[in-house]
Amino acid sequence: MHREGACYFRDMPVDWKRLILILVTGAGAGLLWNAASGRGFALGRSVLVQTGDELVAAKDARALLDRGALFLDARPRDFWRMSRIPRALSLPEEDFDRALAQVEPRLRRASAIVVYCSGYGCEASLVVARKLRERGYAAAVLDEGLPAWQDAAGPMDSEPRP
């Protein structure tokens, strides 16, 4: 049985120009608030990055490696065994304290330290770099991790399993 008013929206015509104008205006206002409020998201980088985190672009990472920077892989050790940046050492977030004892002599001699992990959504490199900074080591993070390295340098520029 059909009641009066129950199908009001079904019979209403859609004004597409008005709908698009409302959506664009809303998105624009949201982006403006995000930029002006001081509390918005940094749209050009990962929201996982915090104040104090130093990022290294993949295009600059090769020069750091060539100058003797120590690269640390924050992924689980099995991933490090499969593929890694040349000469990178394993310092997995999940086993940080034990692995730190193994790499600490190299940390003291390093001219620079760069930590990386699996890519854009991976927080392990940020966590490891922060833990290193808490212990007095200046550590940067490879922006977008191993995939960015491989894109910038080519897939043949990764060490396979030993």
N, C-alpha and C. Protein backbone atom coordinates (compact mmCIF):
# COMPACT_ATOMS: atom_id res chain seq x y z
N MET A 1 0.84 -1.17 0.00
CA MET A 1 0.00 0.00 0.00
C MET A 1 0.89 1.24 0.00
N HIS A 2 0.55 2.23 -0.79
CA HIS A 2 1.34 3.45 -0.96
C HIS A 2 0.77 4.56 -0.08
N ARG A 3 1.65 5.09 0.81
CA ARG A 3 1.20 6.20 1.67
C ARG A 3 1.69 7.51 1.08
N GLU A 4 0.95 8.53 1.29
CA GLU A 4 1.28 9.86 0.77
C GLU A 4 2.61 10.33 1.38
N GLY A 5 3.54 10.76 0.53
CA GLY A 5 4.82 11.30 1.00
C GLY A 5 5.91 10.26 1.19
N ALA A 6 5.61 8.99 1.13
CA ALA A 6 6.61 7.95 1.38
C ALA A 6 7.65 7.88 0.27
N CYS A 7 7.31 8.29 -0.91
CA CYS A 7 8.23 8.21 -2.06
C CYS A 7 8.64 9.59 -2.53
N TYR A 8 8.72 10.54 -1.65
CA TYR A 8 9.01 11.92 -2.01
C TYR A 8 10.33 12.05 -2.75
N PHE A 9 11.40 11.42 -2.25
CA PHE A 9 12.72 11.57 -2.85
C PHE A 9 12.84 10.83 -4.18
N ARG A 10 12.09 9.78 -4.37
CA ARG A 10 12.16 9.02 -5.61
C ARG A 10 11.66 9.85 -6.79
N ASP A 11 10.69 10.69 -6.56
CA ASP A 11 10.10 11.48 -7.62
C ASP A 11 10.79 12.82 -7.84
N MET A 12 11.76 13.14 -6.98
CA MET A 12 12.43 14.44 -7.04
C MET A 12 13.54 14.42 -8.11
N PRO A 13 13.58 15.39 -9.00
CA PRO A 13 14.63 15.41 -10.02
C PRO A 13 15.97 15.81 -9.39
N VAL A 14 17.07 15.30 -9.95
CA VAL A 14 18.40 15.61 -9.44
C VAL A 14 18.99 16.75 -10.25
N ASP A 15 19.43 17.79 -9.54
CA ASP A 15 20.10 18.92 -10.18
C ASP A 15 21.61 18.68 -10.04
N TRP A 16 22.21 18.05 -11.07
CA TRP A 16 23.61 17.63 -11.01
C TRP A 16 24.56 18.80 -10.84
N LYS A 17 24.29 19.92 -11.46
CA LYS A 17 25.17 21.08 -11.32
C LYS A 17 25.21 21.55 -9.87
N ARG A 18 24.07 21.58 -9.23
CA ARG A 18 24.00 22.02 -7.84
C ARG A 18 24.70 21.01 -6.93
N LEU A 19 24.51 19.71 -7.17
CA LEU A 19 25.16 18.67 -6.38
C LEU A 19 26.67 18.79 -6.49
N ILE A 20 27.20 18.95 -7.69
CA ILE A 20 28.64 19.07 -7.89
C ILE A 20 29.17 20.34 -7.24
N LEU A 21 28.43 21.44 -7.35
CA LEU A 21 28.84 22.69 -6.71
C LEU A 21 28.93 22.52 -5.18
N ILE A 22 27.97 21.84 -4.60
CA ILE A 22 27.98 21.62 -3.15
C ILE A 22 29.19 20.76 -2.76
N LEU A 23 29.47 19.69 -3.52
CA LEU A 23 30.60 18.82 -3.21
C LEU A 23 31.94 19.56 -3.35
N VAL A 24 32.10 20.33 -4.41
CA VAL A 24 33.35 21.07 -4.62
C VAL A 24 33.53 22.14 -3.54
N THR A 25 32.46 22.84 -3.21
CA THR A 25 32.53 23.86 -2.16
C THR A 25 32.89 23.24 -0.82
N GLY A 26 32.28 22.11 -0.50
CA GLY A 26 32.58 21.42 0.76
C GLY A 26 34.02 20.94 0.83
N ALA A 27 34.50 20.34 -0.27
CA ALA A 27 35.89 19.88 -0.30
C ALA A 27 36.86 21.06 -0.20
N GLY A 28 36.57 22.13 -0.90
CA GLY A 28 37.42 23.32 -0.83
C GLY A 28 37.47 23.92 0.57
N ALA A 29 36.30 24.00 1.22
CA ALA A 29 36.26 24.52 2.59
C ALA A 29 37.04 23.62 3.54
N GLY A 30 36.94 22.31 3.34
CA GLY A 30 37.69 21.37 4.18
C GLY A 30 39.18 21.51 4.00
N LEU A 31 39.64 21.64 2.78
CA LEU A 31 41.07 21.82 2.52
C LEU A 31 41.57 23.16 3.06
N LEU A 32 40.77 24.19 2.93
CA LEU A 32 41.13 25.50 3.47
C LEU A 32 41.25 25.45 4.99
N TRP A 33 40.29 24.82 5.65
CA TRP A 33 40.36 24.67 7.11
C TRP A 33 41.59 23.86 7.49
N ASN A 34 41.88 22.79 6.76
CA ASN A 34 43.03 21.94 7.05
C ASN A 34 44.32 22.75 7.01
N ALA A 35 44.44 23.63 6.02
CA ALA A 35 45.66 24.43 5.86
C ALA A 35 45.74 25.56 6.89
N ALA A 36 44.61 26.18 7.21
CA ALA A 36 44.62 27.37 8.05
C ALA A 36 44.55 27.09 9.54
N SER A 37 44.05 25.94 9.93
CA SER A 37 43.79 25.69 11.35
C SER A 37 45.04 25.44 12.17
N GLY A 38 46.10 24.95 11.53
CA GLY A 38 47.29 24.60 12.30
C GLY A 38 47.18 23.23 12.94
N ARG A 39 46.02 22.61 12.85
CA ARG A 39 45.82 21.28 13.42
C ARG A 39 45.52 20.25 12.34
N GLY A 40 45.59 20.66 11.10
CA GLY A 40 45.22 19.76 10.00
C GLY A 40 46.31 18.76 9.68
N PHE A 41 46.02 17.91 8.71
CA PHE A 41 46.96 16.90 8.25
C PHE A 41 47.94 17.51 7.27
N ALA A 42 49.19 17.04 7.31
CA ALA A 42 50.17 17.43 6.31
C ALA A 42 49.89 16.58 5.08
N LEU A 43 49.29 17.18 4.08
CA LEU A 43 48.80 16.43 2.93
C LEU A 43 49.92 15.96 2.01
N GLY A 44 51.09 16.52 2.11
CA GLY A 44 52.18 16.14 1.23
C GLY A 44 53.04 15.02 1.77
N ARG A 45 52.73 14.50 2.94
CA ARG A 45 53.54 13.43 3.52
C ARG A 45 52.66 12.51 4.35
N SER A 46 53.23 11.44 4.79
CA SER A 46 52.51 10.46 5.59
C SER A 46 52.09 11.07 6.93
N VAL A 47 50.91 10.71 7.40
CA VAL A 47 50.45 11.21 8.70
C VAL A 47 51.21 10.54 9.84
N LEU A 48 51.99 9.51 9.55
CA LEU A 48 52.78 8.83 10.57
C LEU A 48 54.02 9.64 10.96
N VAL A 49 54.44 10.56 10.09
CA VAL A 49 55.63 11.37 10.34
C VAL A 49 55.30 12.42 11.41
N GLN A 50 56.18 12.52 12.40
CA GLN A 50 55.98 13.47 13.50
C GLN A 50 57.08 14.53 13.50
N THR A 51 56.88 15.55 14.29
CA THR A 51 57.89 16.58 14.45
C THR A 51 59.16 15.93 14.98
N GLY A 52 60.28 16.24 14.38
CA GLY A 52 61.55 15.66 14.78
C GLY A 52 62.00 14.52 13.88
N ASP A 53 61.09 13.95 13.11
CA ASP A 53 61.45 12.88 12.18
C ASP A 53 62.11 13.51 10.95
N GLU A 54 63.29 13.03 10.61
CA GLU A 54 64.00 13.51 9.43
C GLU A 54 63.80 12.51 8.30
N LEU A 55 63.33 12.98 7.16
CA LEU A 55 63.11 12.11 6.00
C LEU A 55 64.18 12.35 4.96
N VAL A 56 64.60 11.27 4.31
CA VAL A 56 65.57 11.33 3.21
C VAL A 56 64.86 10.85 1.96
N ALA A 57 64.90 11.64 0.91
CA ALA A 57 64.28 11.24 -0.36
C ALA A 57 65.10 10.12 -0.98
N ALA A 58 64.42 9.23 -1.69
CA ALA A 58 65.09 8.10 -2.31
C ALA A 58 66.18 8.55 -3.29
N LYS A 59 65.95 9.65 -3.98
CA LYS A 59 66.94 10.13 -4.94
C LYS A 59 68.23 10.58 -4.25
N ASP A 60 68.15 10.97 -2.98
CA ASP A 60 69.33 11.39 -2.22
C ASP A 60 69.99 10.24 -1.46
N ALA A 61 69.30 9.14 -1.33
CA ALA A 61 69.79 8.02 -0.53
C ALA A 61 71.04 7.39 -1.13
N ARG A 62 71.12 7.30 -2.44
CA ARG A 62 72.29 6.69 -3.09
C ARG A 62 73.56 7.43 -2.73
N ALA A 63 73.52 8.76 -2.75
CA ALA A 63 74.70 9.55 -2.40
C ALA A 63 75.11 9.30 -0.95
N LEU A 64 74.13 9.17 -0.06
CA LEU A 64 74.45 8.88 1.34
C LEU A 64 75.11 7.51 1.47
N LEU A 65 74.58 6.52 0.76
CA LEU A 65 75.17 5.18 0.80
C LEU A 65 76.60 5.21 0.27
N ASP A 66 76.81 5.93 -0.83
CA ASP A 66 78.15 6.03 -1.41
C ASP A 66 79.14 6.73 -0.49
N ARG A 67 78.64 7.63 0.36
CA ARG A 67 79.51 8.34 1.32
C ARG A 67 79.69 7.57 2.62
N GLY A 68 79.14 6.37 2.70
CA GLY A 68 79.38 5.53 3.87
C GLY A 68 78.28 5.52 4.91
N ALA A 69 77.12 6.03 4.59
CA ALA A 69 76.02 6.01 5.56
C ALA A 69 75.64 4.56 5.86
N LEU A 70 75.24 4.34 7.08
CA LEU A 70 74.80 3.02 7.51
C LEU A 70 73.29 2.93 7.30
N PHE A 71 72.85 1.97 6.51
CA PHE A 71 71.43 1.76 6.27
C PHE A 71 70.96 0.61 7.15
N LEU A 72 69.83 0.83 7.83
CA LEU A 72 69.25 -0.17 8.72
C LEU A 72 67.85 -0.53 8.24
N ASP A 73 67.60 -1.82 8.15
CA ASP A 73 66.32 -2.34 7.69
C ASP A 73 65.46 -2.66 8.90
N ALA A 74 64.34 -1.95 9.06
CA ALA A 74 63.47 -2.12 10.23
C ALA A 74 62.41 -3.21 10.03
N ARG A 75 62.41 -3.84 8.86
CA ARG A 75 61.45 -4.91 8.60
C ARG A 75 61.86 -6.18 9.34
N PRO A 76 60.97 -7.15 9.46
CA PRO A 76 61.37 -8.43 10.07
C PRO A 76 62.57 -9.03 9.34
N ARG A 77 63.40 -9.74 10.07
CA ARG A 77 64.66 -10.28 9.54
C ARG A 77 64.46 -11.14 8.29
N ASP A 78 63.35 -11.87 8.20
CA ASP A 78 63.11 -12.70 7.02
C ASP A 78 62.97 -11.85 5.76
N PHE A 79 62.35 -10.68 5.87
CA PHE A 79 62.24 -9.78 4.72
C PHE A 79 63.61 -9.22 4.34
N TRP A 80 64.41 -8.90 5.35
CA TRP A 80 65.78 -8.42 5.10
C TRP A 80 66.58 -9.47 4.35
N ARG A 81 66.40 -10.74 4.70
CA ARG A 81 67.12 -11.82 4.02
C ARG A 81 66.72 -11.92 2.55
N MET A 82 65.46 -11.63 2.24
CA MET A 82 64.97 -11.76 0.86
C MET A 82 65.48 -10.65 -0.05
N SER A 83 65.48 -9.41 0.44
CA SER A 83 65.88 -8.28 -0.38
C SER A 83 66.17 -7.09 0.52
N ARG A 84 67.23 -6.37 0.18
CA ARG A 84 67.60 -5.21 1.01
C ARG A 84 68.46 -4.26 0.21
N ILE A 85 68.64 -3.09 0.76
CA ILE A 85 69.55 -2.11 0.18
C ILE A 85 70.97 -2.64 0.40
N PRO A 86 71.86 -2.48 -0.57
CA PRO A 86 73.23 -3.00 -0.41
C PRO A 86 73.88 -2.55 0.91
N ARG A 87 74.48 -3.48 1.59
CA ARG A 87 75.22 -3.30 2.85
C ARG A 87 74.33 -2.94 4.04
N ALA A 88 73.02 -2.98 3.87
CA ALA A 88 72.11 -2.65 4.98
C ALA A 88 72.17 -3.74 6.04
N LEU A 89 72.07 -3.33 7.28
CA LEU A 89 72.01 -4.26 8.40
C LEU A 89 70.57 -4.39 8.87
N SER A 90 70.27 -5.51 9.48
CA SER A 90 68.93 -5.74 9.99
C SER A 90 68.80 -5.21 11.41
N LEU A 91 67.81 -4.36 11.62
CA LEU A 91 67.46 -3.86 12.96
C LEU A 91 65.94 -3.82 13.04
N PRO A 92 65.33 -5.01 13.16
CA PRO A 92 63.86 -5.07 13.11
C PRO A 92 63.21 -4.42 14.33
N GLU A 93 62.14 -3.72 14.09
CA GLU A 93 61.40 -3.06 15.16
C GLU A 93 60.95 -4.08 16.21
N GLU A 94 60.49 -5.23 15.76
CA GLU A 94 59.93 -6.24 16.67
C GLU A 94 60.97 -6.85 17.61
N ASP A 95 62.24 -6.74 17.26
CA ASP A 95 63.31 -7.33 18.06
C ASP A 95 64.40 -6.29 18.29
N PHE A 96 63.99 -5.07 18.53
CA PHE A 96 64.89 -3.93 18.54
C PHE A 96 66.03 -4.08 19.56
N ASP A 97 65.70 -4.38 20.81
CA ASP A 97 66.73 -4.39 21.86
C ASP A 97 67.82 -5.42 21.60
N ARG A 98 67.44 -6.63 21.21
CA ARG A 98 68.43 -7.67 20.95
C ARG A 98 69.26 -7.33 19.71
N ALA A 99 68.59 -6.87 18.65
CA ALA A 99 69.29 -6.55 17.41
C ALA A 99 70.19 -5.33 17.58
N LEU A 100 69.79 -4.40 18.42
CA LEU A 100 70.61 -3.20 18.65
C LEU A 100 71.98 -3.58 19.19
N ALA A 101 72.03 -4.54 20.08
CA ALA A 101 73.31 -4.97 20.64
C ALA A 101 74.25 -5.48 19.55
N GLN A 102 73.69 -6.08 18.52
CA GLN A 102 74.51 -6.61 17.42
C GLN A 102 75.04 -5.52 16.50
N VAL A 103 74.27 -4.47 16.28
CA VAL A 103 74.68 -3.43 15.33
C VAL A 103 75.30 -2.20 16.00
N GLU A 104 75.26 -2.12 17.31
CA GLU A 104 75.72 -0.92 18.01
C GLU A 104 77.17 -0.52 17.70
N PRO A 105 78.10 -1.47 17.60
CA PRO A 105 79.47 -1.03 17.24
C PRO A 105 79.51 -0.30 15.90
N ARG A 106 78.72 -0.71 14.94
CA ARG A 106 78.68 -0.04 13.64
C ARG A 106 77.99 1.31 13.74
N LEU A 107 77.00 1.44 14.62
CA LEU A 107 76.30 2.72 14.80
C LEU A 107 77.26 3.80 15.27
N ARG A 108 78.14 3.44 16.17
CA ARG A 108 79.08 4.43 16.73
C ARG A 108 80.04 4.97 15.67
N ARG A 109 80.35 4.14 14.66
CA ARG A 109 81.31 4.55 13.62
C ARG A 109 80.64 5.17 12.41
N ALA A 110 79.32 5.13 12.33
CA ALA A 110 78.61 5.57 11.12
C ALA A 110 78.65 7.09 10.96
N SER A 111 78.89 7.51 9.73
CA SER A 111 78.87 8.95 9.43
C SER A 111 77.43 9.47 9.38
N ALA A 112 76.51 8.61 8.97
CA ALA A 112 75.08 8.94 8.93
C ALA A 112 74.32 7.62 9.04
N ILE A 113 73.09 7.69 9.54
CA ILE A 113 72.26 6.50 9.70
C ILE A 113 70.93 6.75 9.01
N VAL A 114 70.52 5.79 8.17
CA VAL A 114 69.24 5.87 7.47
C VAL A 114 68.49 4.57 7.73
N VAL A 115 67.26 4.70 8.20
CA VAL A 115 66.43 3.54 8.51
C VAL A 115 65.33 3.46 7.46
N TYR A 116 65.00 2.24 7.04
CA TYR A 116 63.92 2.07 6.06
C TYR A 116 63.09 0.85 6.40
N CYS A 117 61.90 0.78 5.78
CA CYS A 117 61.05 -0.40 5.93
C CYS A 117 60.29 -0.63 4.63
N SER A 118 59.08 -1.14 4.70
CA SER A 118 58.37 -1.66 3.53
C SER A 118 57.69 -0.63 2.65
N GLY A 119 57.65 0.60 3.02
CA GLY A 119 57.04 1.58 2.15
C GLY A 119 56.16 2.59 2.86
N TYR A 120 55.28 3.20 2.09
CA TYR A 120 54.51 4.37 2.54
C TYR A 120 53.75 4.16 3.84
N GLY A 121 53.05 3.07 4.02
CA GLY A 121 52.26 2.87 5.22
C GLY A 121 53.01 2.20 6.35
N CYS A 122 54.27 1.92 6.16
CA CYS A 122 55.06 1.20 7.17
C CYS A 122 55.60 2.19 8.21
N GLU A 123 55.31 1.91 9.45
CA GLU A 123 55.74 2.79 10.54
C GLU A 123 57.00 2.29 11.24
N ALA A 124 57.45 1.08 10.92
CA ALA A 124 58.58 0.47 11.62
C ALA A 124 59.84 1.33 11.54
N SER A 125 60.13 1.90 10.38
CA SER A 125 61.35 2.72 10.25
C SER A 125 61.27 3.96 11.12
N LEU A 126 60.10 4.56 11.22
CA LEU A 126 59.93 5.74 12.08
C LEU A 126 60.12 5.38 13.55
N VAL A 127 59.57 4.25 13.95
CA VAL A 127 59.70 3.81 15.34
C VAL A 127 61.17 3.52 15.68
N VAL A 128 61.85 2.79 14.78
CA VAL A 128 63.26 2.46 15.02
C VAL A 128 64.11 3.73 15.05
N ALA A 129 63.89 4.65 14.14
CA ALA A 129 64.66 5.90 14.12
C ALA A 129 64.44 6.70 15.41
N ARG A 130 63.21 6.72 15.90
CA ARG A 130 62.93 7.43 17.16
C ARG A 130 63.63 6.76 18.34
N LYS A 131 63.63 5.44 18.37
CA LYS A 131 64.32 4.71 19.44
C LYS A 131 65.82 4.98 19.39
N LEU A 132 66.37 5.04 18.19
CA LEU A 132 67.80 5.35 18.05
C LEU A 132 68.09 6.77 18.54
N ARG A 133 67.24 7.72 18.18
CA ARG A 133 67.43 9.10 18.64
C ARG A 133 67.36 9.19 20.16
N GLU A 134 66.47 8.42 20.78
CA GLU A 134 66.39 8.39 22.24
C GLU A 134 67.69 7.91 22.87
N ARG A 135 68.45 7.11 22.13
CA ARG A 135 69.72 6.57 22.61
C ARG A 135 70.92 7.40 22.14
N GLY A 136 70.65 8.54 21.50
CA GLY A 136 71.72 9.45 21.12
C GLY A 136 72.24 9.31 19.70
N TYR A 137 71.60 8.51 18.88
CA TYR A 137 72.03 8.36 17.48
C TYR A 137 71.12 9.16 16.56
N ALA A 138 71.71 10.00 15.72
CA ALA A 138 70.93 10.77 14.76
C ALA A 138 70.58 9.85 13.60
N ALA A 139 69.30 9.54 13.45
CA ALA A 139 68.86 8.61 12.41
C ALA A 139 67.76 9.24 11.57
N ALA A 140 67.95 9.20 10.27
CA ALA A 140 66.94 9.67 9.32
C ALA A 140 66.16 8.46 8.81
N VAL A 141 65.04 8.73 8.15
CA VAL A 141 64.18 7.69 7.61
C VAL A 141 64.11 7.85 6.09
N LEU A 142 64.29 6.74 5.38
CA LEU A 142 64.15 6.75 3.93
C LEU A 142 62.67 6.89 3.60
N ASP A 143 62.32 8.02 3.01
CA ASP A 143 60.93 8.32 2.68
C ASP A 143 60.37 7.27 1.71
N GLU A 144 59.30 6.64 2.10
CA GLU A 144 58.61 5.60 1.34
C GLU A 144 59.39 4.30 1.20
N GLY A 145 60.46 4.13 1.97
CA GLY A 145 61.13 2.86 2.15
C GLY A 145 61.76 2.19 0.95
N LEU A 146 61.89 0.85 1.07
CA LEU A 146 62.55 0.05 0.06
C LEU A 146 61.92 0.19 -1.33
N PRO A 147 60.59 0.23 -1.46
CA PRO A 147 60.03 0.41 -2.81
C PRO A 147 60.49 1.70 -3.49
N ALA A 148 60.62 2.78 -2.73
CA ALA A 148 61.10 4.04 -3.30
C ALA A 148 62.56 3.91 -3.74
N TRP A 149 63.36 3.21 -2.94
CA TRP A 149 64.76 2.95 -3.30
C TRP A 149 64.81 2.18 -4.62
N GLN A 150 64.02 1.13 -4.71
CA GLN A 150 64.02 0.30 -5.91
C GLN A 150 63.52 1.07 -7.13
N ASP A 151 62.53 1.93 -6.94
CA ASP A 151 62.03 2.75 -8.05
C ASP A 151 63.09 3.74 -8.52
N ALA A 152 63.83 4.32 -7.57
CA ALA A 152 64.83 5.33 -7.91
C ALA A 152 66.10 4.71 -8.47
N ALA A 153 66.49 3.55 -7.92
CA ALA A 153 67.78 2.96 -8.30
C ALA A 153 67.64 1.79 -9.26
N GLY A 154 66.46 1.21 -9.36
CA GLY A 154 66.26 0.03 -10.20
C GLY A 154 66.28 -1.22 -9.34
N PRO A 155 65.51 -2.23 -9.70
CA PRO A 155 65.40 -3.44 -8.89
C PRO A 155 66.70 -4.22 -8.77
N MET A 156 67.65 -4.01 -9.69
CA MET A 156 68.90 -4.74 -9.62
C MET A 156 69.83 -4.15 -8.56
N ASP A 157 69.44 -3.04 -7.97
CA ASP A 157 70.28 -2.38 -6.97
C ASP A 157 69.85 -2.74 -5.56
N SER A 158 69.37 -3.97 -5.38
CA SER A 158 69.06 -4.49 -4.07
C SER A 158 69.82 -5.79 -3.91
N GLU A 159 70.29 -6.03 -2.70
CA GLU A 159 71.00 -7.28 -2.45
C GLU A 159 70.01 -8.41 -2.26
N PRO A 160 70.21 -9.51 -2.95
CA PRO A 160 69.35 -10.68 -2.70
C PRO A 160 69.84 -11.41 -1.45
N ARG A 161 69.20 -12.48 -1.15
CA ARG A 161 69.57 -13.34 -0.03
C ARG A 161 71.04 -13.73 -0.15
N PRO A 162 71.79 -13.71 0.98
CA PRO A 162 73.22 -14.08 0.93
C PRO A 162 73.43 -15.53 0.63
